[in-house]
């Protein structure tokens, strides 16, 4: 290995994100449904003037800057994380939050 390789310095542009993992296993069905609808959105079908009309409501994963990394693991901006963590706290759903930086 060259001695020059030891002196390499890099400037990395990083974006600050929040990693949130949560556990809805063993929770009541109503709590699971609320969390699932908040995260993934939901659709409602209503009858209007004799015809069925479908309304779609987008969830957290549809917002810019929010990524689903795995089951019950999301990466998002601070503001979105605070909203989501607030919901989890109100429902007493266990969660873990970690501040991370990702390359921009």
Protein backbone atom coordinates (compact mmCIF):
# COMPACT_ATOMS: atom_id res chain seq x y z
CA UNK A 1 0.00 0.00 0.00
CA UNK A 2 1.26 3.46 -0.88
CA UNK A 3 1.88 6.08 1.80
CA UNK A 4 -0.11 8.52 -0.36
CA UNK A 5 -3.27 6.43 0.10
CA UNK A 6 -3.23 7.14 3.84
CA UNK A 7 -3.51 10.90 3.26
CA UNK A 8 -6.59 10.88 1.04
CA UNK A 9 -9.23 13.32 2.27
CA UNK A 10 -12.71 13.49 0.91
CA UNK A 11 -15.51 15.96 1.25
CA UNK A 12 -18.84 14.20 1.34
CA UNK A 13 -22.15 15.95 0.91
CA UNK A 14 -24.47 14.22 3.36
CA UNK A 15 -28.16 14.62 4.09
CA UNK A 16 -29.38 14.27 7.65
CA UNK A 17 -32.17 11.73 8.01
CA UNK A 18 -33.96 9.90 10.80
CA UNK A 19 -34.21 6.13 10.81
CA UNK A 20 -37.34 4.94 12.63
CA UNK A 21 -38.05 1.31 13.43
CA UNK A 22 -41.23 0.31 15.20
CA UNK A 23 -42.85 -2.85 16.50
CA UNK A 24 -46.59 -3.34 16.09
CA UNK A 25 -46.41 -7.06 16.71
CA UNK A 26 -48.64 -8.09 19.61
CA UNK A 27 -50.59 -4.81 19.42
CA UNK A 28 -54.35 -4.47 19.14
CA UNK A 29 -55.76 -4.67 15.62
CA UNK A 30 -57.00 -1.06 15.79
CA UNK A 31 -53.49 0.23 16.59
CA UNK A 32 -51.97 -1.86 13.78
CA UNK A 33 -54.54 -0.50 11.33
CA UNK A 34 -53.91 3.13 12.33
CA UNK A 35 -50.16 2.76 11.94
CA UNK A 36 -50.51 0.89 8.64
CA UNK A 37 -52.87 3.51 7.19
CA UNK A 38 -50.56 6.32 8.29
CA UNK A 39 -47.52 4.65 6.73
CA UNK A 40 -48.98 3.17 3.53
CA UNK A 41 -52.20 5.13 3.01
CA UNK A 42 -55.60 3.66 2.31
CA UNK A 43 -58.54 3.75 -0.07
CA UNK A 44 -62.22 4.28 0.68
CA UNK A 45 -65.08 3.35 -1.62
CA UNK A 46 -68.28 5.36 -1.27
CA UNK A 47 -71.53 5.35 -3.16
CA UNK A 48 -72.20 8.78 -4.66
CA UNK A 49 -75.33 9.39 -6.73
CA UNK A 50 -75.78 5.65 -7.26
CA UNK A 51 -72.20 5.13 -8.46
CA UNK A 52 -69.22 3.87 -6.54
CA UNK A 53 -66.46 6.39 -6.09
CA UNK A 54 -63.01 5.42 -4.82
CA UNK A 55 -60.95 7.89 -2.78
CA UNK A 56 -57.24 7.23 -2.23
CA UNK A 57 -55.32 8.74 0.65
CA UNK A 58 -51.54 8.63 0.35
CA UNK A 59 -49.43 7.55 3.28
CA UNK A 60 -46.09 8.53 4.75
CA UNK A 61 -44.14 6.42 2.23
CA UNK A 62 -45.53 8.55 -0.60
CA UNK A 63 -43.97 11.75 0.75
CA UNK A 64 -40.75 13.00 -0.85
CA UNK A 65 -37.69 11.95 1.13
CA UNK A 66 -39.35 9.00 2.87
CA UNK A 67 -38.03 5.53 2.10
CA UNK A 68 -39.12 2.14 3.36
CA UNK A 69 -35.95 0.19 4.08
CA UNK A 70 -37.58 -2.97 5.37
CA UNK A 71 -40.44 -4.29 7.43
CA UNK A 72 -41.23 -1.63 10.04
CA UNK A 73 -38.13 0.42 9.17
CA UNK A 74 -38.38 3.85 7.51
CA UNK A 75 -35.89 6.59 6.68
CA UNK A 76 -37.21 10.15 6.53
CA UNK A 77 -36.64 13.85 7.15
CA UNK A 78 -36.82 15.30 10.67
CA UNK A 79 -40.29 16.86 10.25
CA UNK A 80 -41.86 13.65 8.94
CA UNK A 81 -40.13 11.65 11.68
CA UNK A 82 -41.50 13.90 14.42
CA UNK A 83 -45.05 13.51 13.09
CA UNK A 84 -44.70 9.73 12.84
CA UNK A 85 -43.05 9.36 16.24
CA UNK A 86 -45.85 11.46 17.73
CA UNK A 87 -48.41 8.98 16.39
CA UNK A 88 -46.42 6.00 17.66
CA UNK A 89 -46.08 7.62 21.09
CA UNK A 90 -49.81 8.36 21.34
CA UNK A 91 -50.57 4.73 20.47
CA UNK A 92 -47.84 3.50 22.84
CA UNK A 93 -46.18 1.57 20.03
CA UNK A 94 -42.52 0.80 20.82
CA UNK A 95 -40.10 2.49 18.43
CA UNK A 96 -36.46 3.39 18.06
CA UNK A 97 -35.12 6.53 16.38
CA UNK A 98 -31.59 7.03 15.07
CA UNK A 99 -30.09 10.07 13.38
CA UNK A 100 -28.11 9.10 10.28
CA UNK A 101 -26.42 10.82 7.35
CA UNK A 102 -26.74 9.63 3.78
CA UNK A 103 -24.80 10.67 0.71
CA UNK A 104 -26.60 13.33 -1.27
